[in-house]
Every structure is written in C-alpha cells, then in structure tokens.
Amino acid sequence: MNSTLWIMQAVVASALTASGFLIMFLPKKLLANKLSWVNEYSDTMRYFICITKILGALGLILPFYFSIVPILTPVAAVSIAIFMVFALRYHLQKNEYKDVPATLIFFVSTLFIAYYRF
C-alpha cells in the first residue's frame, strides 16, 4: 500500500506542478484558448492559483518523505481536495463537462492519499 500511495502522490504532485508552472509562465493569450478561466480572473489571481498548486504538490511529497511534520502531507491532500471541489463547481457552472472527469480523479485521489496517510 505504501508504494501505491507514493505513486499516487508523485502523479498528483507532478500534474499539479506542471500545470502550475505552465499556467504561470505561458502568455495569457496562449492560455485563453484552452482555459476559459484565465480571462475571467486577474493575473494576480492566476499567479495565486498557480502558486497554490505548486505548494500543494510540495506538501504532498516533502513532509512525509523527510519525516518533518509528516501530518502536513494528509493536510495538503485534503487542501487539494477542497481546491478540486471549487474547480469542479466552476467547471459545472460554465458547462465545461470535459474537465469534470479529471477534476473528480484528482479529488478522489487526494482523498485516498489523505485517508491512508493520516
């Protein structure tokens, strides 16, 4: 089970880190075609969302790996799950049903990680 959890943590953390850096550093015009929310929020909010994703990814891996306050790993997982609830709400309000499955997968994965890491 421990190996499964580490793989799940690595996959979720990698996806969050990659999306965080891509959304942060790619030009807004380029992102607007794929991500409708980029036009609806300010650049400050976009950066906040990206930094939150990156910090959440770090929180999934580092505390448990280094055994320094390992309780922060499930706390980070729960925080990411809450983040995904807000993302799911946004996608449903905007009728972006193609993004719902991925959001649900991240939600369930992070709850699974949180449950078994507590």
N, C-alpha and C. Protein backbone atom coordinates (compact mmCIF):
# COMPACT_ATOMS: atom_id res chain seq x y z
N MET A 1 0.83 -1.19 0.00
CA MET A 1 0.00 0.00 0.00
C MET A 1 0.87 1.25 0.00
N ASN A 2 1.99 1.18 0.70
CA ASN A 2 2.87 2.34 0.76
C ASN A 2 3.37 2.74 -0.62
N SER A 3 3.73 1.76 -1.44
CA SER A 3 4.19 2.04 -2.79
C SER A 3 3.09 2.67 -3.64
N THR A 4 1.89 2.17 -3.49
CA THR A 4 0.75 2.73 -4.22
C THR A 4 0.54 4.19 -3.84
N LEU A 5 0.61 4.48 -2.55
CA LEU A 5 0.43 5.86 -2.10
C LEU A 5 1.51 6.77 -2.64
N TRP A 6 2.76 6.29 -2.63
CA TRP A 6 3.85 7.12 -3.16
C TRP A 6 3.68 7.38 -4.65
N ILE A 7 3.22 6.39 -5.39
CA ILE A 7 2.99 6.57 -6.82
C ILE A 7 1.87 7.59 -7.04
N MET A 8 0.79 7.45 -6.28
CA MET A 8 -0.31 8.40 -6.41
C MET A 8 0.13 9.81 -6.04
N GLN A 9 0.89 9.93 -4.96
CA GLN A 9 1.39 11.24 -4.56
C GLN A 9 2.28 11.83 -5.66
N ALA A 10 3.13 11.02 -6.25
CA ALA A 10 4.02 11.51 -7.30
C ALA A 10 3.25 11.95 -8.53
N VAL A 11 2.24 11.19 -8.91
CA VAL A 11 1.45 11.54 -10.10
C VAL A 11 0.67 12.83 -9.86
N VAL A 12 0.00 12.93 -8.73
CA VAL A 12 -0.78 14.14 -8.43
C VAL A 12 0.15 15.34 -8.30
N ALA A 13 1.25 15.17 -7.59
CA ALA A 13 2.20 16.28 -7.41
C ALA A 13 2.81 16.71 -8.74
N SER A 14 3.14 15.77 -9.59
CA SER A 14 3.71 16.11 -10.90
C SER A 14 2.71 16.88 -11.76
N ALA A 15 1.48 16.41 -11.77
CA ALA A 15 0.45 17.09 -12.56
C ALA A 15 0.19 18.51 -12.04
N LEU A 16 0.11 18.66 -10.73
CA LEU A 16 -0.11 19.99 -10.16
C LEU A 16 1.05 20.93 -10.43
N THR A 17 2.26 20.42 -10.28
CA THR A 17 3.45 21.24 -10.51
C THR A 17 3.54 21.66 -11.97
N ALA A 18 3.34 20.71 -12.87
CA ALA A 18 3.42 21.02 -14.30
C ALA A 18 2.36 22.04 -14.70
N SER A 19 1.13 21.82 -14.27
CA SER A 19 0.08 22.78 -14.64
C SER A 19 0.31 24.13 -13.99
N GLY A 20 0.80 24.14 -12.77
CA GLY A 20 1.08 25.40 -12.10
C GLY A 20 2.13 26.22 -12.83
N PHE A 21 3.23 25.58 -13.20
CA PHE A 21 4.29 26.31 -13.91
C PHE A 21 3.86 26.72 -15.32
N LEU A 22 3.16 25.84 -16.02
CA LEU A 22 2.72 26.18 -17.37
C LEU A 22 1.76 27.37 -17.37
N ILE A 23 0.78 27.32 -16.48
CA ILE A 23 -0.20 28.41 -16.44
C ILE A 23 0.46 29.71 -15.96
N MET A 24 1.44 29.59 -15.09
CA MET A 24 2.10 30.79 -14.58
C MET A 24 2.97 31.46 -15.64
N PHE A 25 3.67 30.68 -16.43
CA PHE A 25 4.68 31.25 -17.31
C PHE A 25 4.28 31.39 -18.77
N LEU A 26 3.22 30.70 -19.20
CA LEU A 26 2.78 30.87 -20.58
C LEU A 26 1.98 32.18 -20.71
N PRO A 27 2.06 32.83 -21.86
CA PRO A 27 1.30 34.08 -22.05
C PRO A 27 -0.20 33.86 -21.94
N LYS A 28 -0.88 34.85 -21.45
CA LYS A 28 -2.32 34.77 -21.23
C LYS A 28 -3.07 34.50 -22.53
N LYS A 29 -2.62 35.09 -23.61
CA LYS A 29 -3.29 34.90 -24.91
C LYS A 29 -3.23 33.44 -25.35
N LEU A 30 -2.12 32.80 -25.09
CA LEU A 30 -1.96 31.40 -25.47
C LEU A 30 -2.84 30.49 -24.61
N LEU A 31 -2.97 30.83 -23.34
CA LEU A 31 -3.76 30.02 -22.42
C LEU A 31 -5.26 30.19 -22.60
N ALA A 32 -5.67 31.36 -23.07
CA ALA A 32 -7.10 31.69 -23.16
C ALA A 32 -7.87 30.72 -24.06
N ASN A 33 -7.21 30.16 -25.06
CA ASN A 33 -7.89 29.22 -25.95
C ASN A 33 -8.28 27.93 -25.24
N LYS A 34 -7.46 27.47 -24.32
CA LYS A 34 -7.69 26.20 -23.64
C LYS A 34 -8.35 26.35 -22.27
N LEU A 35 -8.05 27.44 -21.59
CA LEU A 35 -8.53 27.64 -20.22
C LEU A 35 -9.38 28.90 -20.15
N SER A 36 -10.68 28.71 -20.07
CA SER A 36 -11.57 29.88 -20.09
C SER A 36 -11.42 30.75 -18.85
N TRP A 37 -11.06 30.16 -17.74
CA TRP A 37 -10.98 30.93 -16.50
C TRP A 37 -9.86 31.95 -16.51
N VAL A 38 -8.88 31.79 -17.37
CA VAL A 38 -7.75 32.72 -17.41
C VAL A 38 -8.22 34.13 -17.76
N ASN A 39 -9.20 34.25 -18.63
CA ASN A 39 -9.72 35.57 -18.99
C ASN A 39 -10.63 36.17 -17.92
N GLU A 40 -11.19 35.33 -17.08
CA GLU A 40 -12.14 35.81 -16.08
C GLU A 40 -11.48 36.33 -14.81
N TYR A 41 -10.23 35.96 -14.59
CA TYR A 41 -9.54 36.37 -13.37
C TYR A 41 -8.34 37.23 -13.71
N SER A 42 -7.92 38.02 -12.74
CA SER A 42 -6.76 38.89 -12.93
C SER A 42 -5.48 38.04 -12.94
N ASP A 43 -4.41 38.66 -13.39
CA ASP A 43 -3.12 37.95 -13.38
C ASP A 43 -2.70 37.60 -11.95
N THR A 44 -3.02 38.46 -11.01
CA THR A 44 -2.69 38.19 -9.61
C THR A 44 -3.38 36.91 -9.13
N MET A 45 -4.64 36.78 -9.48
CA MET A 45 -5.39 35.57 -9.10
C MET A 45 -4.83 34.34 -9.81
N ARG A 46 -4.46 34.50 -11.07
CA ARG A 46 -3.86 33.39 -11.82
C ARG A 46 -2.57 32.93 -11.14
N TYR A 47 -1.73 33.88 -10.75
CA TYR A 47 -0.48 33.53 -10.06
C TYR A 47 -0.75 32.89 -8.71
N PHE A 48 -1.76 33.39 -8.01
CA PHE A 48 -2.12 32.81 -6.72
C PHE A 48 -2.54 31.36 -6.89
N ILE A 49 -3.36 31.07 -7.87
CA ILE A 49 -3.82 29.71 -8.13
C ILE A 49 -2.63 28.81 -8.47
N CYS A 50 -1.73 29.31 -9.30
CA CYS A 50 -0.56 28.52 -9.70
C CYS A 50 0.36 28.23 -8.52
N ILE A 51 0.61 29.24 -7.71
CA ILE A 51 1.47 29.05 -6.54
C ILE A 51 0.82 28.09 -5.55
N THR A 52 -0.49 28.18 -5.41
CA THR A 52 -1.21 27.25 -4.54
C THR A 52 -1.06 25.82 -5.02
N LYS A 53 -1.15 25.61 -6.33
CA LYS A 53 -0.96 24.26 -6.88
C LYS A 53 0.44 23.74 -6.60
N ILE A 54 1.43 24.58 -6.82
CA ILE A 54 2.83 24.16 -6.62
C ILE A 54 3.10 23.86 -5.15
N LEU A 55 2.63 24.72 -4.26
CA LEU A 55 2.83 24.48 -2.82
C LEU A 55 2.09 23.23 -2.36
N GLY A 56 0.90 22.99 -2.90
CA GLY A 56 0.17 21.78 -2.58
C GLY A 56 0.93 20.53 -3.01
N ALA A 57 1.54 20.61 -4.19
CA ALA A 57 2.33 19.48 -4.69
C ALA A 57 3.54 19.22 -3.79
N LEU A 58 4.20 20.28 -3.37
CA LEU A 58 5.33 20.12 -2.45
C LEU A 58 4.87 19.54 -1.12
N GLY A 59 3.69 19.97 -0.66
CA GLY A 59 3.15 19.47 0.59
C GLY A 59 2.76 18.00 0.53
N LEU A 60 2.46 17.51 -0.65
CA LEU A 60 2.14 16.08 -0.80
C LEU A 60 3.37 15.19 -0.64
N ILE A 61 4.52 15.72 -1.00
CA ILE A 61 5.73 14.88 -1.05
C ILE A 61 6.68 15.13 0.12
N LEU A 62 7.10 16.37 0.28
CA LEU A 62 8.23 16.67 1.16
C LEU A 62 8.04 16.33 2.64
N PRO A 63 6.94 16.71 3.28
CA PRO A 63 6.85 16.42 4.73
C PRO A 63 6.93 14.94 5.07
N PHE A 64 6.25 14.12 4.29
CA PHE A 64 6.25 12.69 4.58
C PHE A 64 7.59 12.05 4.21
N TYR A 65 8.17 12.50 3.11
CA TYR A 65 9.44 11.94 2.66
C TYR A 65 10.56 12.21 3.66
N PHE A 66 10.63 13.44 4.16
CA PHE A 66 11.70 13.82 5.08
C PHE A 66 11.33 13.60 6.54
N SER A 67 10.13 13.10 6.81
CA SER A 67 9.64 12.86 8.17
C SER A 67 9.75 14.10 9.05
N ILE A 68 9.49 15.25 8.45
CA ILE A 68 9.45 16.51 9.18
C ILE A 68 8.00 16.96 9.18
N VAL A 69 7.36 16.85 10.30
CA VAL A 69 5.93 17.13 10.46
C VAL A 69 5.13 16.40 9.36
N PRO A 70 5.18 15.07 9.35
CA PRO A 70 4.52 14.31 8.28
C PRO A 70 3.00 14.47 8.23
N ILE A 71 2.41 15.02 9.27
CA ILE A 71 0.97 15.26 9.24
C ILE A 71 0.60 16.28 8.17
N LEU A 72 1.58 17.06 7.71
CA LEU A 72 1.31 18.05 6.67
C LEU A 72 0.97 17.42 5.32
N THR A 73 1.40 16.19 5.10
CA THR A 73 1.07 15.52 3.83
C THR A 73 -0.43 15.27 3.70
N PRO A 74 -1.09 14.65 4.67
CA PRO A 74 -2.55 14.49 4.52
C PRO A 74 -3.30 15.82 4.58
N VAL A 75 -2.75 16.78 5.31
CA VAL A 75 -3.38 18.10 5.34
C VAL A 75 -3.32 18.74 3.95
N ALA A 76 -2.17 18.59 3.29
CA ALA A 76 -2.04 19.10 1.92
C ALA A 76 -3.00 18.37 0.99
N ALA A 77 -3.15 17.07 1.17
CA ALA A 77 -4.05 16.29 0.32
C ALA A 77 -5.51 16.75 0.50
N VAL A 78 -5.91 17.00 1.73
CA VAL A 78 -7.27 17.49 1.98
C VAL A 78 -7.45 18.88 1.38
N SER A 79 -6.42 19.71 1.50
CA SER A 79 -6.49 21.06 0.92
C SER A 79 -6.63 21.01 -0.59
N ILE A 80 -5.91 20.10 -1.23
CA ILE A 80 -6.03 19.95 -2.68
C ILE A 80 -7.42 19.43 -3.04
N ALA A 81 -7.96 18.54 -2.23
CA ALA A 81 -9.32 18.03 -2.48
C ALA A 81 -10.32 19.17 -2.41
N ILE A 82 -10.17 20.07 -1.45
CA ILE A 82 -11.06 21.23 -1.35
C ILE A 82 -10.89 22.12 -2.57
N PHE A 83 -9.66 22.31 -3.00
CA PHE A 83 -9.37 23.09 -4.21
C PHE A 83 -10.09 22.47 -5.41
N MET A 84 -10.11 21.14 -5.48
CA MET A 84 -10.76 20.45 -6.59
C MET A 84 -12.29 20.59 -6.52
N VAL A 85 -12.84 20.71 -5.33
CA VAL A 85 -14.28 20.95 -5.20
C VAL A 85 -14.63 22.29 -5.85
N PHE A 86 -13.81 23.31 -5.58
CA PHE A 86 -14.05 24.61 -6.18
C PHE A 86 -13.86 24.56 -7.70
N ALA A 87 -12.86 23.82 -8.15
CA ALA A 87 -12.65 23.67 -9.59
C ALA A 87 -13.83 22.94 -10.24
N LEU A 88 -14.32 21.91 -9.57
CA LEU A 88 -15.48 21.17 -10.08
C LEU A 88 -16.70 22.08 -10.17
N ARG A 89 -16.92 22.86 -9.15
CA ARG A 89 -18.05 23.81 -9.16
C ARG A 89 -17.94 24.78 -10.33
N TYR A 90 -16.74 25.30 -10.55
CA TYR A 90 -16.53 26.23 -11.66
C TYR A 90 -16.83 25.55 -13.00
N HIS A 91 -16.29 24.35 -13.20
CA HIS A 91 -16.49 23.65 -14.48
C HIS A 91 -17.97 23.34 -14.72
N LEU A 92 -18.68 22.98 -13.68
CA LEU A 92 -20.10 22.68 -13.85
C LEU A 92 -20.91 23.95 -14.14
N GLN A 93 -20.56 25.05 -13.50
CA GLN A 93 -21.26 26.31 -13.76
C GLN A 93 -21.04 26.79 -15.18
N LYS A 94 -19.84 26.56 -15.71
CA LYS A 94 -19.51 27.02 -17.05
C LYS A 94 -19.79 25.98 -18.13
N ASN A 95 -20.43 24.88 -17.75
CA ASN A 95 -20.75 23.79 -18.68
C ASN A 95 -19.51 23.22 -19.37
N GLU A 96 -18.42 23.15 -18.64
CA GLU A 96 -17.18 22.58 -19.16
C GLU A 96 -17.09 21.12 -18.69
N TYR A 97 -17.95 20.31 -19.25
CA TYR A 97 -18.07 18.94 -18.79
C TYR A 97 -16.87 18.07 -19.15
N LYS A 98 -16.09 18.49 -20.11
CA LYS A 98 -14.90 17.71 -20.48
C LYS A 98 -13.83 17.75 -19.38
N ASP A 99 -13.86 18.77 -18.52
CA ASP A 99 -12.88 18.90 -17.45
C ASP A 99 -13.32 18.24 -16.15
N VAL A 100 -14.55 17.82 -16.08
CA VAL A 100 -15.09 17.23 -14.84
C VAL A 100 -14.40 15.90 -14.49
N PRO A 101 -14.21 14.96 -15.41
CA PRO A 101 -13.59 13.68 -15.02
C PRO A 101 -12.19 13.83 -14.40
N ALA A 102 -11.37 14.66 -14.99
CA ALA A 102 -10.02 14.85 -14.44
C ALA A 102 -10.08 15.46 -13.05
N THR A 103 -10.97 16.42 -12.88
CA THR A 103 -11.12 17.06 -11.57
C THR A 103 -11.59 16.04 -10.54
N LEU A 104 -12.53 15.19 -10.91
CA LEU A 104 -13.01 14.16 -9.99
C LEU A 104 -11.92 13.15 -9.66
N ILE A 105 -11.10 12.81 -10.63
CA ILE A 105 -10.00 11.86 -10.38
C ILE A 105 -9.01 12.45 -9.38
N PHE A 106 -8.66 13.73 -9.55
CA PHE A 106 -7.77 14.38 -8.59
C PHE A 106 -8.42 14.45 -7.21
N PHE A 107 -9.71 14.75 -7.16
CA PHE A 107 -10.43 14.83 -5.90
C PHE A 107 -10.38 13.49 -5.16
N VAL A 108 -10.75 12.42 -5.84
CA VAL A 108 -10.77 11.09 -5.22
C VAL A 108 -9.35 10.65 -4.84
N SER A 109 -8.39 10.92 -5.70
CA SER A 109 -7.00 10.53 -5.42
C SER A 109 -6.47 11.21 -4.17
N THR A 110 -6.73 12.50 -4.05
CA THR A 110 -6.21 13.21 -2.88
C THR A 110 -6.93 12.80 -1.60
N LEU A 111 -8.22 12.49 -1.69
CA LEU A 111 -8.90 11.97 -0.50
C LEU A 111 -8.36 10.61 -0.10
N PHE A 112 -8.05 9.77 -1.08
CA PHE A 112 -7.44 8.46 -0.83
C PHE A 112 -6.10 8.63 -0.13
N ILE A 113 -5.27 9.54 -0.64
CA ILE A 113 -3.97 9.81 -0.04
C ILE A 113 -4.15 10.31 1.39
N ALA A 114 -5.05 11.25 1.58
CA ALA A 114 -5.28 11.82 2.91
C ALA A 114 -5.73 10.75 3.90
N TYR A 115 -6.65 9.90 3.47
CA TYR A 115 -7.18 8.87 4.36
C TYR A 115 -6.08 7.91 4.83
N TYR A 116 -5.26 7.45 3.91
CA TYR A 116 -4.25 6.47 4.26
C TYR A 116 -2.97 7.06 4.85
N ARG A 117 -2.78 8.36 4.70
CA ARG A 117 -1.61 8.99 5.32
C ARG A 117 -1.89 9.55 6.71
N PHE A 118 -3.18 9.66 7.10
CA PHE A 118 -3.50 10.13 8.45
C PHE A 118 -3.18 9.09 9.46
